[in-house]
Amino acid sequence: MIRKCNTSCFTDVNLYGNPTRIQIRRGVRQGEVISPMLFSAALEIVMQNAQMPCVVNIDGERLQYLMFADDIVLIGSEPSALENSLRILRIAASSIGLEIHPGKTKWMKNSYASDYCLRMEDSVIEEVSSYVYLGQAVTMDNDLTVEISRRRRVGWVTFNKYRDVLTDKRIDAQVRARVFNTHVLPALVYGSETWNTILNEERRLASTQRAMERVMCGITLMHKIPAHEIRRRTGVKDVIENIYDSKKRWAGHVARLSDNRWTSRVTNWYPRGVKRPRGRPPARWSDPFRKLFGQRWQQVARNRNEWHRCVLQGWRNHP
C-alpha cells in the first residue's frame, strides 16, 4: 500500500508563469508521520535476519540483544564474539540500506574479559567504562556512583530553570512545592525504579535535596535551622521516599506481569552452572522486598491493596 501510494507521483510548480511538472521518485522522508514506524519495522526485520549466536540462556530462552527503537545493545560472551555479532548486524543492516555509525557505537567489558581492540571494518570501536543508555548511565559492575552524580547535576539544572518561581516568596508555598515535586524531583530520581541504592548514595541525594530546599527558603547552613523545620516550610516530597515509592510501584507491575516478558523472566532468573565469586554479594534490586516479605514477596505484590500499604523506606532497620 505504501509503495503504491508513492508510485507515479508528481508535483506541479509554477515558475514565473511556466508550469513545471516534477516526478517524485523518493517516497517517505524523514519527519513524516509514517517514517518512524517504517524505520522500526525495517529494523525489526534486520534483527530477525541477523542470525547472531546465542549468548545468554535464561531458563531455556535465548537472549542475544536488547532493543528500544534504534538503540540496540548487543551481548557477547567474549569480545571476539561481540565483534562477530556486530559484523553480522552490519551486513544485515546494509542489505536494506542502513549503516551503523562507528562514532556513536561504544562497547564495554567486565573484569573477567581480556583486553581487546574491537573493530567494525576499518573503524576501531571505542571502549568505555560507562554509557548513557535510555537516559541512564550503565556500568558493567552496576555501580550507581556515575548515575547518582548525573542525577544530582540534572536536578540542579532543572532547579535553576525554575529558580525564579521556587525562590519567590510572593508565590504561595504550596504552589512552589508543587512545581518542585512535578519538575525538579522527577529529574532527580529518573530511572530510580531500577536502582539498588546503598545508604551512602541515598545520603548524597538527600543532601542535594536539602541544599535545594535551603535555596527555596533563602537560608544557608550558617543559620543552623534543622532539616525537619526546613521541610515543614517547603512542604516538598522527600526524595528517598519518592525513590522507594517508584521502586515499589514498578515491582508491583513486574510481579503482576503474566505474558512472559523479559522483565519478569530476568527478575526471576537464577543463573545455573555459575559459581558465585568471593566476597560479599553486591546489593540486589530485590533486597528491600526480600527482607520485608521474604522470598515470596511477589505474592504480596500481586495484591494491589496490600502492596499499596507497604512502606519500603527504612527497610534496612527491619529485624
C-alpha atoms as a PDB file:
ATOM      1  CA  MET A   1       0.000   0.000   0.000  1.00  0.00           C
ATOM      2  CA  ILE A   2       2.795   2.439   0.879  1.00  0.00           C
ATOM      3  CA  ARG A   3       4.663   1.564  -2.321  1.00  0.00           C
ATOM      4  CA  LYS A   4       1.551   2.157  -4.413  1.00  0.00           C
ATOM      5  CA  CYS A   5       0.908   5.494  -2.725  1.00  0.00           C
ATOM      6  CA  ASN A   6       4.404   6.615  -3.728  1.00  0.00           C
ATOM      7  CA  THR A   7       4.406   5.244  -7.303  1.00  0.00           C
ATOM      8  CA  SER A   8       3.879   7.542 -10.323  1.00  0.00           C
ATOM      9  CA  CYS A   9       3.594  10.604  -8.108  1.00  0.00           C
ATOM     10  CA  PHE A  10       4.335  14.122  -9.266  1.00  0.00           C
ATOM     11  CA  THR A  11       4.017  17.717  -8.195  1.00  0.00           C
ATOM     12  CA  ASP A  12       3.358  20.857 -10.239  1.00  0.00           C
ATOM     13  CA  VAL A  13       5.415  24.003  -9.701  1.00  0.00           C
ATOM     14  CA  ASN A  14       4.614  27.312 -11.365  1.00  0.00           C
ATOM     15  CA  LEU A  15       7.807  29.309 -12.017  1.00  0.00           C
ATOM     16  CA  TYR A  16       7.282  32.783 -13.475  1.00  0.00           C
ATOM     17  CA  GLY A  17       4.102  31.666 -15.194  1.00  0.00           C
ATOM     18  CA  ASN A  18       5.658  28.489 -16.623  1.00  0.00           C
ATOM     19  CA  PRO A  19       4.082  25.356 -15.111  1.00  0.00           C
ATOM     20  CA  THR A  20       6.569  22.574 -14.488  1.00  0.00           C
ATOM     21  CA  ARG A  21       5.752  19.003 -13.544  1.00  0.00           C
ATOM     22  CA  ILE A  22       8.286  17.207 -11.328  1.00  0.00           C
ATOM     23  CA  GLN A  23       8.291  13.451 -10.896  1.00  0.00           C
ATOM     24  CA  ILE A  24       8.649  12.256  -7.299  1.00  0.00           C
ATOM     25  CA  ARG A  25      10.998   9.291  -7.163  1.00  0.00           C
ATOM     26  CA  ARG A  26      11.616   9.251  -3.417  1.00  0.00           C
ATOM     27  CA  GLY A  27       8.722   8.386  -1.147  1.00  0.00           C
ATOM     28  CA  VAL A  28       8.757   8.696   2.634  1.00  0.00           C
ATOM     29  CA  ARG A  29      11.143  11.285   4.038  1.00  0.00           C
ATOM     30  CA  GLN A  30      12.473  11.947   7.500  1.00  0.00           C
ATOM     31  CA  GLY A  31       9.986  13.915   9.561  1.00  0.00           C
ATOM     32  CA  GLU A  32       6.855  12.404   8.047  1.00  0.00           C
ATOM     33  CA  VAL A  33       4.363  10.713  10.359  1.00  0.00           C
ATOM     34  CA  ILE A  34       4.866   7.224   8.976  1.00  0.00           C
ATOM     35  CA  SER A  35       8.664   7.482   8.822  1.00  0.00           C
ATOM     36  CA  PRO A  36       9.486   6.257  12.380  1.00  0.00           C
ATOM     37  CA  MET A  37       7.048   3.357  12.072  1.00  0.00           C
ATOM     38  CA  LEU A  38       8.607   2.233   8.794  1.00  0.00           C
ATOM     39  CA  PHE A  39      12.076   2.568  10.289  1.00  0.00           C
ATOM     40  CA  SER A  40      11.128   0.475  13.325  1.00  0.00           C
ATOM     41  CA  ALA A  41       9.579  -2.179  11.087  1.00  0.00           C
ATOM     42  CA  ALA A  42      12.674  -2.271   8.864  1.00  0.00           C
ATOM     43  CA  LEU A  43      14.983  -2.503  11.882  1.00  0.00           C
ATOM     44  CA  GLU A  44      12.911  -5.335  13.306  1.00  0.00           C
ATOM     45  CA  ILE A  45      13.362  -7.256  10.046  1.00  0.00           C
ATOM     46  CA  VAL A  46      17.112  -6.633  10.238  1.00  0.00           C
ATOM     47  CA  MET A  47      17.316  -8.045  13.773  1.00  0.00           C
ATOM     48  CA  GLN A  48      15.303 -11.105  12.759  1.00  0.00           C
ATOM     49  CA  ASN A  49      17.505 -11.761   9.735  1.00  0.00           C
ATOM     50  CA  ALA A  50      20.741 -11.265  11.672  1.00  0.00           C
ATOM     51  CA  GLN A  51      21.418 -14.777  12.942  1.00  0.00           C
ATOM     52  CA  MET A  52      23.596 -13.873  15.891  1.00  0.00           C
ATOM     53  CA  PRO A  53      24.911 -16.609  18.195  1.00  0.00           C
ATOM     54  CA  CYS A  54      23.132 -17.342  21.457  1.00  0.00           C
ATOM     55  CA  VAL A  55      24.853 -15.599  24.359  1.00  0.00           C
ATOM     56  CA  VAL A  56      22.717 -15.947  27.482  1.00  0.00           C
ATOM     57  CA  ASN A  57      20.371 -18.822  28.197  1.00  0.00           C
ATOM     58  CA  ILE A  58      17.680 -17.674  30.612  1.00  0.00           C
ATOM     59  CA  ASP A  59      15.575 -20.658  31.632  1.00  0.00           C
ATOM     60  CA  GLY A  60      15.634 -22.023  28.094  1.00  0.00           C
ATOM     61  CA  GLU A  61      15.101 -18.661  26.365  1.00  0.00           C
ATOM     62  CA  ARG A  62      17.887 -17.111  24.287  1.00  0.00           C
ATOM     63  CA  LEU A  63      18.882 -13.506  24.928  1.00  0.00           C
ATOM     64  CA  GLN A  64      21.069 -12.035  22.182  1.00  0.00           C
ATOM     65  CA  TYR A  65      20.330  -8.314  22.280  1.00  0.00           C
ATOM     66  CA  LEU A  66      18.198  -5.562  23.785  1.00  0.00           C
ATOM     67  CA  MET A  67      16.456  -3.075  21.525  1.00  0.00           C
ATOM     68  CA  PHE A  68      14.381   0.047  22.056  1.00  0.00           C
ATOM     69  CA  ALA A  69      13.618   1.843  18.766  1.00  0.00           C
ATOM     70  CA  ASP A  70      17.056   2.276  17.154  1.00  0.00           C
ATOM     71  CA  ASP A  71      19.003   1.934  20.434  1.00  0.00           C
ATOM     72  CA  ILE A  72      20.437  -1.586  20.323  1.00  0.00           C
ATOM     73  CA  VAL A  73      22.588  -3.410  22.880  1.00  0.00           C
ATOM     74  CA  LEU A  74      24.471  -6.491  21.665  1.00  0.00           C
ATOM     75  CA  ILE A  75      25.586  -9.062  24.241  1.00  0.00           C
ATOM     76  CA  GLY A  76      28.680 -11.225  23.855  1.00  0.00           C
ATOM     77  CA  SER A  77      30.309 -13.919  25.970  1.00  0.00           C
ATOM     78  CA  GLU A  78      33.722 -12.562  24.933  1.00  0.00           C
ATOM     79  CA  PRO A  79      34.966  -9.566  22.892  1.00  0.00           C
ATOM     80  CA  SER A  80      35.602 -11.624  19.746  1.00  0.00           C
ATOM     81  CA  ALA A  81      32.044 -12.997  19.856  1.00  0.00           C
ATOM     82  CA  LEU A  82      30.717  -9.463  20.262  1.00  0.00           C
ATOM     83  CA  GLU A  83      32.756  -8.347  17.259  1.00  0.00           C
ATOM     84  CA  ASN A  84      31.286 -11.206  15.232  1.00  0.00           C
ATOM     85  CA  SER A  85      27.726 -10.234  16.238  1.00  0.00           C
ATOM     86  CA  LEU A  86      28.445  -6.638  15.236  1.00  0.00           C
ATOM     87  CA  ARG A  87      29.715  -7.820  11.848  1.00  0.00           C
ATOM     88  CA  ILE A  88      26.577  -9.923  11.286  1.00  0.00           C
ATOM     89  CA  LEU A  89      24.357  -6.988  12.249  1.00  0.00           C
ATOM     90  CA  ARG A  90      26.237  -4.608   9.944  1.00  0.00           C
ATOM     91  CA  ILE A  91      25.812  -6.965   6.965  1.00  0.00           C
ATOM     92  CA  ALA A  92      22.097  -7.446   7.689  1.00  0.00           C
ATOM     93  CA  ALA A  93      21.557  -3.682   8.048  1.00  0.00           C
ATOM     94  CA  SER A  94      23.455  -2.834   4.857  1.00  0.00           C
ATOM     95  CA  SER A  95      21.200  -5.198   2.888  1.00  0.00           C
ATOM     96  CA  ILE A  96      18.338  -2.698   3.259  1.00  0.00           C
ATOM     97  CA  GLY A  97      20.457   0.448   3.070  1.00  0.00           C
ATOM     98  CA  LEU A  98      21.060   1.064   6.792  1.00  0.00           C
ATOM     99  CA  GLU A  99      24.501   1.808   8.201  1.00  0.00           C
ATOM    100  CA  ILE A 100      25.912   1.599  11.721  1.00  0.00           C
ATOM    101  CA  HIS A 101      27.680   4.796  12.790  1.00  0.00           C
ATOM    102  CA  PRO A 102      31.104   3.817  14.230  1.00  0.00           C
ATOM    103  CA  GLY A 103      31.432   7.072  16.174  1.00  0.00           C
ATOM    104  CA  LYS A 104      28.154   6.501  18.024  1.00  0.00           C
ATOM    105  CA  THR A 105      28.897   2.851  18.777  1.00  0.00           C
ATOM    106  CA  LYS A 106      30.639   2.009  22.081  1.00  0.00           C
ATOM    107  CA  TRP A 107      31.463  -1.196  23.886  1.00  0.00           C
ATOM    108  CA  MET A 108      32.103  -2.263  27.482  1.00  0.00           C
ATOM    109  CA  LYS A 109      33.565  -5.335  29.126  1.00  0.00           C
ATOM    110  CA  ASN A 110      33.596  -6.672  32.654  1.00  0.00           C
ATOM    111  CA  SER A 111      36.634  -7.549  34.742  1.00  0.00           C
ATOM    112  CA  TYR A 112      36.652 -11.147  33.508  1.00  0.00           C
ATOM    113  CA  ALA A 113      37.173 -10.239  29.837  1.00  0.00           C
ATOM    114  CA  SER A 114      40.658  -9.784  28.424  1.00  0.00           C
ATOM    115  CA  ASP A 115      41.855  -6.634  26.683  1.00  0.00           C
ATOM    116  CA  TYR A 116      40.703  -6.411  23.096  1.00  0.00           C
ATOM    117  CA  CYS A 117      40.604  -3.951  20.207  1.00  0.00           C
ATOM    118  CA  LEU A 118      37.103  -4.258  18.810  1.00  0.00           C
ATOM    119  CA  ARG A 119      36.750  -3.252  15.176  1.00  0.00           C
ATOM    120  CA  MET A 120      33.994  -2.757  12.656  1.00  0.00           C
ATOM    121  CA  GLU A 121      35.548  -2.938   9.196  1.00  0.00           C
ATOM    122  CA  ASP A 122      38.374  -0.352   9.313  1.00  0.00           C
ATOM    123  CA  SER A 123      36.998   1.552  12.326  1.00  0.00           C
ATOM    124  CA  VAL A 124      38.015   0.950  15.931  1.00  0.00           C
ATOM    125  CA  ILE A 125      35.066   0.925  18.328  1.00  0.00           C
ATOM    126  CA  GLU A 126      35.765   2.964  21.464  1.00  0.00           C
ATOM    127  CA  GLU A 127      35.795   1.108  24.769  1.00  0.00           C
ATOM    128  CA  VAL A 128      34.095   2.951  27.660  1.00  0.00           C
ATOM    129  CA  SER A 129      33.588   2.248  31.356  1.00  0.00           C
ATOM    130  CA  SER A 130      30.041   3.674  31.374  1.00  0.00           C
ATOM    131  CA  TYR A 131      27.465   4.603  28.773  1.00  0.00           C
ATOM    132  CA  VAL A 132      24.212   6.537  28.914  1.00  0.00           C
ATOM    133  CA  TYR A 133      21.501   4.239  27.550  1.00  0.00           C
ATOM    134  CA  LEU A 134      17.862   5.379  27.550  1.00  0.00           C
ATOM    135  CA  GLY A 135      18.710   8.221  29.914  1.00  0.00           C
ATOM    136  CA  GLN A 136      20.658   6.193  32.483  1.00  0.00           C
ATOM    137  CA  ALA A 137      24.372   5.628  32.950  1.00  0.00           C
ATOM    138  CA  VAL A 138      25.082   1.898  32.601  1.00  0.00           C
ATOM    139  CA  THR A 139      28.214   0.249  34.029  1.00  0.00           C
ATOM    140  CA  MET A 140      29.354  -3.368  33.922  1.00  0.00           C
ATOM    141  CA  ASP A 141      29.639  -3.621  37.725  1.00  0.00           C
ATOM    142  CA  ASN A 142      26.228  -1.975  38.244  1.00  0.00           C
ATOM    143  CA  ASP A 143      27.836   0.851  40.241  1.00  0.00           C
ATOM    144  CA  LEU A 144      25.368   3.718  40.670  1.00  0.00           C
ATOM    145  CA  THR A 145      28.025   6.315  41.509  1.00  0.00           C
ATOM    146  CA  VAL A 146      28.101   7.716  37.973  1.00  0.00           C
ATOM    147  CA  GLU A 147      24.313   7.751  37.639  1.00  0.00           C
ATOM    148  CA  ILE A 148      23.760   9.373  41.051  1.00  0.00           C
ATOM    149  CA  SER A 149      26.218  12.141  40.115  1.00  0.00           C
ATOM    150  CA  ARG A 150      24.365  12.647  36.808  1.00  0.00           C
ATOM    151  CA  ARG A 151      21.012  12.823  38.570  1.00  0.00           C
ATOM    152  CA  ARG A 152      22.313  15.437  41.008  1.00  0.00           C
ATOM    153  CA  ARG A 153      23.636  17.585  38.146  1.00  0.00           C
ATOM    154  CA  VAL A 154      20.421  17.244  36.145  1.00  0.00           C
ATOM    155  CA  GLY A 155      18.425  18.028  39.278  1.00  0.00           C
ATOM    156  CA  TRP A 156      20.315  21.289  39.794  1.00  0.00           C
ATOM    157  CA  VAL A 157      19.930  22.209  36.122  1.00  0.00           C
ATOM    158  CA  THR A 158      16.172  21.725  36.415  1.00  0.00           C
ATOM    159  CA  PHE A 159      16.074  23.585  39.733  1.00  0.00           C
ATOM    160  CA  ASN A 160      17.881  26.585  38.249  1.00  0.00           C
ATOM    161  CA  LYS A 161      15.452  26.542  35.335  1.00  0.00           C
ATOM    162  CA  TYR A 162      12.584  27.203  37.766  1.00  0.00           C
ATOM    163  CA  ARG A 163      14.613  29.131  40.359  1.00  0.00           C
ATOM    164  CA  ASP A 164      12.666  32.366  39.874  1.00  0.00           C
ATOM    165  CA  VAL A 165       9.445  30.579  40.817  1.00  0.00           C
ATOM    166  CA  LEU A 166      10.867  28.366  43.550  1.00  0.00           C
ATOM    167  CA  THR A 167      12.565  31.236  45.400  1.00  0.00           C
ATOM    168  CA  ASP A 168       9.824  33.856  45.011  1.00  0.00           C
ATOM    169  CA  LYS A 169       8.309  34.363  48.487  1.00  0.00           C
ATOM    170  CA  ARG A 170       5.308  36.121  46.939  1.00  0.00           C
ATOM    171  CA  ILE A 171       4.184  32.824  45.414  1.00  0.00           C
ATOM    172  CA  ASP A 172       2.228  30.515  47.691  1.00  0.00           C
ATOM    173  CA  ALA A 173       4.369  27.804  49.326  1.00  0.00           C
ATOM    174  CA  GLN A 174       2.046  25.050  48.100  1.00  0.00           C
ATOM    175  CA  VAL A 175       2.437  26.230  44.516  1.00  0.00           C
ATOM    176  CA  ARG A 176       6.218  26.258  44.816  1.00  0.00           C
ATOM    177  CA  ALA A 177       6.161  22.792  46.384  1.00  0.00           C
ATOM    178  CA  ARG A 178       4.009  21.556  43.512  1.00  0.00           C
ATOM    179  CA  VAL A 179       6.488  22.967  40.980  1.00  0.00           C
ATOM    180  CA  PHE A 180       9.351  21.246  42.795  1.00  0.00           C
ATOM    181  CA  ASN A 181       7.534  17.915  43.026  1.00  0.00           C
ATOM    182  CA  THR A 182       6.456  17.869  39.380  1.00  0.00           C
ATOM    183  CA  HIS A 183       9.632  19.188  37.736  1.00  0.00           C
ATOM    184  CA  VAL A 184      12.736  19.026  39.924  1.00  0.00           C
ATOM    185  CA  LEU A 185      12.054  15.793  41.790  1.00  0.00           C
ATOM    186  CA  PRO A 186      11.396  13.667  38.653  1.00  0.00           C
ATOM    187  CA  ALA A 187      14.692  14.896  37.190  1.00  0.00           C
ATOM    188  CA  LEU A 188      16.467  13.957  40.410  1.00  0.00           C
ATOM    189  CA  VAL A 189      15.094  10.398  40.584  1.00  0.00           C
ATOM    190  CA  TYR A 190      14.658   9.491  36.902  1.00  0.00           C
ATOM    191  CA  GLY A 191      15.023   5.738  36.472  1.00  0.00           C
ATOM    192  CA  SER A 192      15.008   5.069  40.224  1.00  0.00           C
ATOM    193  CA  GLU A 193      12.589   2.170  39.678  1.00  0.00           C
ATOM    194  CA  THR A 194      15.583   0.012  38.744  1.00  0.00           C
ATOM    195  CA  TRP A 195      18.101   1.328  41.282  1.00  0.00           C
ATOM    196  CA  ASN A 196      19.677  -0.770  44.035  1.00  0.00           C
ATOM    197  CA  THR A 197      20.953   2.116  46.130  1.00  0.00           C
ATOM    198  CA  ILE A 198      23.258   1.814  49.107  1.00  0.00           C
ATOM    199  CA  LEU A 199      22.983   4.070  52.143  1.00  0.00           C
ATOM    200  CA  ASN A 200      25.770   6.423  51.048  1.00  0.00           C
ATOM    201  CA  GLU A 201      24.102   7.060  47.675  1.00  0.00           C
ATOM    202  CA  GLU A 202      20.789   7.828  49.360  1.00  0.00           C
ATOM    203  CA  ARG A 203      22.533  10.305  51.653  1.00  0.00           C
ATOM    204  CA  ARG A 204      24.040  12.100  48.642  1.00  0.00           C
ATOM    205  CA  LEU A 205      20.614  12.530  47.058  1.00  0.00           C
ATOM    206  CA  ALA A 206      19.069  13.653  50.344  1.00  0.00           C
ATOM    207  CA  SER A 207      21.896  16.170  50.798  1.00  0.00           C
ATOM    208  CA  THR A 208      21.211  17.581  47.336  1.00  0.00           C
ATOM    209  CA  GLN A 209      17.527  17.998  48.107  1.00  0.00           C
ATOM    210  CA  ARG A 210      18.237  19.739  51.419  1.00  0.00           C
ATOM    211  CA  ALA A 211      20.549  22.179  49.616  1.00  0.00           C
ATOM    212  CA  MET A 212      17.758  22.967  47.153  1.00  0.00           C
ATOM    213  CA  GLU A 213      15.280  23.485  49.979  1.00  0.00           C
ATOM    214  CA  ARG A 214      17.637  25.929  51.695  1.00  0.00           C
ATOM    215  CA  VAL A 215      17.791  27.950  48.483  1.00  0.00           C
ATOM    216  CA  MET A 216      13.986  27.920  48.322  1.00  0.00           C
ATOM    217  CA  CYS A 217      13.814  29.283  51.884  1.00  0.00           C
ATOM    218  CA  GLY A 218      16.622  31.791  51.373  1.00  0.00           C
ATOM    219  CA  ILE A 219      18.784  30.385  54.169  1.00  0.00           C
ATOM    220  CA  THR A 220      22.257  28.837  54.433  1.00  0.00           C
ATOM    221  CA  LEU A 221      23.996  26.314  56.662  1.00  0.00           C
ATOM    222  CA  MET A 222      25.145  29.225  58.854  1.00  0.00           C
ATOM    223  CA  HIS A 223      21.546  29.677  60.056  1.00  0.00           C
ATOM    224  CA  LYS A 224      21.661  26.172  61.625  1.00  0.00           C
ATOM    225  CA  ILE A 225      17.981  25.508  61.018  1.00  0.00           C
ATOM    226  CA  PRO A 226      17.063  21.796  61.436  1.00  0.00           C
ATOM    227  CA  ALA A 227      16.188  19.819  58.325  1.00  0.00           C
ATOM    228  CA  HIS A 228      12.707  18.939  59.617  1.00  0.00           C
ATOM    229  CA  GLU A 229      11.900  22.637  60.061  1.00  0.00           C
ATOM    230  CA  ILE A 230      13.068  23.406  56.510  1.00  0.00           C
ATOM    231  CA  ARG A 231      10.901  20.556  55.231  1.00  0.00           C
ATOM    232  CA  ARG A 232       7.918  21.961  57.110  1.00  0.00           C
ATOM    233  CA  ARG A 233       8.430  25.319  55.395  1.00  0.00           C
ATOM    234  CA  THR A 234       8.892  23.942  51.875  1.00  0.00           C
ATOM    235  CA  GLY A 235       6.351  21.118  52.033  1.00  0.00           C
ATOM    236  CA  VAL A 236       8.074  19.154  49.249  1.00  0.00           C
ATOM    237  CA  LYS A 237       8.167  15.372  48.942  1.00  0.00           C
ATOM    238  CA  ASP A 238      11.147  13.500  50.322  1.00  0.00           C
ATOM    239  CA  VAL A 239      13.487  12.263  47.595  1.00  0.00           C
ATOM    240  CA  ILE A 240      14.258   8.930  49.300  1.00  0.00           C
ATOM    241  CA  GLU A 241      10.586   8.244  49.930  1.00  0.00           C
ATOM    242  CA  ASN A 242       9.914   9.037  46.273  1.00  0.00           C
ATOM    243  CA  ILE A 243      12.619   6.584  45.167  1.00  0.00           C
ATOM    244  CA  TYR A 244      11.150   3.712  47.160  1.00  0.00           C
ATOM    245  CA  ASP A 245       7.597   4.557  46.096  1.00  0.00           C
ATOM    246  CA  SER A 246       8.683   4.389  42.454  1.00  0.00           C
ATOM    247  CA  LYS A 247      10.553   1.163  43.083  1.00  0.00           C
ATOM    248  CA  LYS A 248       7.568  -0.372  44.851  1.00  0.00           C
ATOM    249  CA  ARG A 249       5.227   0.663  42.038  1.00  0.00           C
ATOM    250  CA  TRP A 250       7.495  -0.884  39.393  1.00  0.00           C
ATOM    251  CA  ALA A 251       7.963  -4.065  41.451  1.00  0.00           C
ATOM    252  CA  GLY A 252       4.189  -4.428  41.609  1.00  0.00           C
ATOM    253  CA  HIS A 253       3.970  -4.168  37.814  1.00  0.00           C
ATOM    254  CA  VAL A 254       6.689  -6.806  37.393  1.00  0.00           C
ATOM    255  CA  ALA A 255       5.049  -9.198  39.859  1.00  0.00           C
ATOM    256  CA  ARG A 256       1.689  -8.914  38.099  1.00  0.00           C
ATOM    257  CA  LEU A 257       3.043  -9.496  34.566  1.00  0.00           C
ATOM    258  CA  SER A 258       1.532 -12.596  33.011  1.00  0.00           C
ATOM    259  CA  ASP A 259       2.767 -12.527  29.392  1.00  0.00           C
ATOM    260  CA  ASN A 260       6.294 -13.954  29.931  1.00  0.00           C
ATOM    261  CA  ARG A 261       8.154 -10.714  29.204  1.00  0.00           C
ATOM    262  CA  TRP A 262      11.903 -10.430  29.566  1.00  0.00           C
ATOM    263  CA  THR A 263      11.298  -8.096  32.511  1.00  0.00           C
ATOM    264  CA  SER A 264       9.782 -10.804  34.688  1.00  0.00           C
ATOM    265  CA  ARG A 265      11.971 -13.590  33.282  1.00  0.00           C
ATOM    266  CA  VAL A 266      15.217 -11.803  34.130  1.00  0.00           C
ATOM    267  CA  THR A 267      13.897 -10.761  37.556  1.00  0.00           C
ATOM    268  CA  ASN A 268      13.117 -14.367  38.484  1.00  0.00           C
ATOM    269  CA  TRP A 269      16.155 -15.863  36.766  1.00  0.00           C
ATOM    270  CA  TYR A 270      18.689 -17.759  38.860  1.00  0.00           C
ATOM    271  CA  PRO A 271      21.897 -18.483  36.884  1.00  0.00           C
ATOM    272  CA  ARG A 272      22.818 -22.161  36.880  1.00  0.00           C
ATOM    273  CA  GLY A 273      26.238 -23.677  36.465  1.00  0.00           C
ATOM    274  CA  VAL A 274      27.998 -20.469  37.535  1.00  0.00           C
ATOM    275  CA  LYS A 275      29.956 -20.122  40.768  1.00  0.00           C
ATOM    276  CA  ARG A 276      29.470 -17.016  42.860  1.00  0.00           C
ATOM    277  CA  PRO A 277      32.719 -15.005  43.228  1.00  0.00           C
ATOM    278  CA  ARG A 278      34.396 -14.495  46.566  1.00  0.00           C
ATOM    279  CA  GLY A 279      33.415 -11.693  48.886  1.00  0.00           C
ATOM    280  CA  ARG A 280      30.175 -10.162  49.985  1.00  0.00           C
ATOM    281  CA  PRO A 281      27.452 -10.249  47.311  1.00  0.00           C
ATOM    282  CA  PRO A 282      26.669  -6.819  45.848  1.00  0.00           C
ATOM    283  CA  ALA A 283      23.399  -5.082  46.628  1.00  0.00           C
ATOM    284  CA  ARG A 284      20.474  -6.505  44.678  1.00  0.00           C
ATOM    285  CA  TRP A 285      17.403  -4.746  43.366  1.00  0.00           C
ATOM    286  CA  SER A 286      15.079  -7.078  45.269  1.00  0.00           C
ATOM    287  CA  ASP A 287      16.849  -6.808  48.655  1.00  0.00           C
ATOM    288  CA  PRO A 288      14.251  -4.461  50.252  1.00  0.00           C
ATOM    289  CA  PHE A 289      11.372  -6.729  49.212  1.00  0.00           C
ATOM    290  CA  ARG A 290      13.100  -9.917  50.325  1.00  0.00           C
ATOM    291  CA  LYS A 291      13.979  -8.504  53.737  1.00  0.00           C
ATOM    292  CA  LEU A 292      10.465  -7.210  54.394  1.00  0.00           C
ATOM    293  CA  PHE A 293       8.388 -10.002  52.858  1.00  0.00           C
ATOM    294  CA  GLY A 294      10.778 -12.918  52.329  1.00  0.00           C
ATOM    295  CA  GLN A 295      11.277 -14.970  49.184  1.00  0.00           C
ATOM    296  CA  ARG A 296       7.530 -14.864  48.415  1.00  0.00           C
ATOM    297  CA  TRP A 297       7.383 -11.078  48.091  1.00  0.00           C
ATOM    298  CA  GLN A 298       5.870 -11.296  44.608  1.00  0.00           C
ATOM    299  CA  GLN A 299       2.770 -12.963  46.015  1.00  0.00           C
ATOM    300  CA  VAL A 300       2.296  -9.966  48.293  1.00  0.00           C
ATOM    301  CA  ALA A 301       2.866  -7.587  45.366  1.00  0.00           C
ATOM    302  CA  ARG A 302       0.083  -9.211  43.334  1.00  0.00           C
ATOM    303  CA  ASN A 303      -2.416  -7.934  45.889  1.00  0.00           C
ATOM    304  CA  ARG A 304      -2.705  -4.266  44.883  1.00  0.00           C
ATOM    305  CA  ASN A 305      -4.361  -3.041  48.078  1.00  0.00           C
ATOM    306  CA  GLU A 306      -1.918  -4.787  50.397  1.00  0.00           C
ATOM    307  CA  TRP A 307       1.066  -3.744  48.283  1.00  0.00           C
ATOM    308  CA  HIS A 308      -0.089  -0.127  48.240  1.00  0.00           C
ATOM    309  CA  ARG A 309       0.022  -0.011  52.045  1.00  0.00           C
ATOM    310  CA  CYS A 310       3.613  -1.295  52.216  1.00  0.00           C
ATOM    311  CA  VAL A 311       6.379   1.129  53.184  1.00  0.00           C
ATOM    312  CA  LEU A 312       9.882   0.324  51.930  1.00  0.00           C
ATOM    313  CA  GLN A 313      11.748   3.280  53.381  1.00  0.00           C
ATOM    314  CA  GLY A 314      13.745   2.179  56.412  1.00  0.00           C
ATOM    315  CA  TRP A 315      13.860  -1.467  55.298  1.00  0.00           C
ATOM    316  CA  ARG A 316      17.468  -1.777  56.488  1.00  0.00           C
ATOM    317  CA  ASN A 317      16.300  -1.429  60.109  1.00  0.00           C
ATOM    318  CA  HIS A 318      13.768  -4.223  59.729  1.00  0.00           C
ATOM    319  CA  PRO A 319      14.589  -7.190  62.008  1.00  0.00           C
END
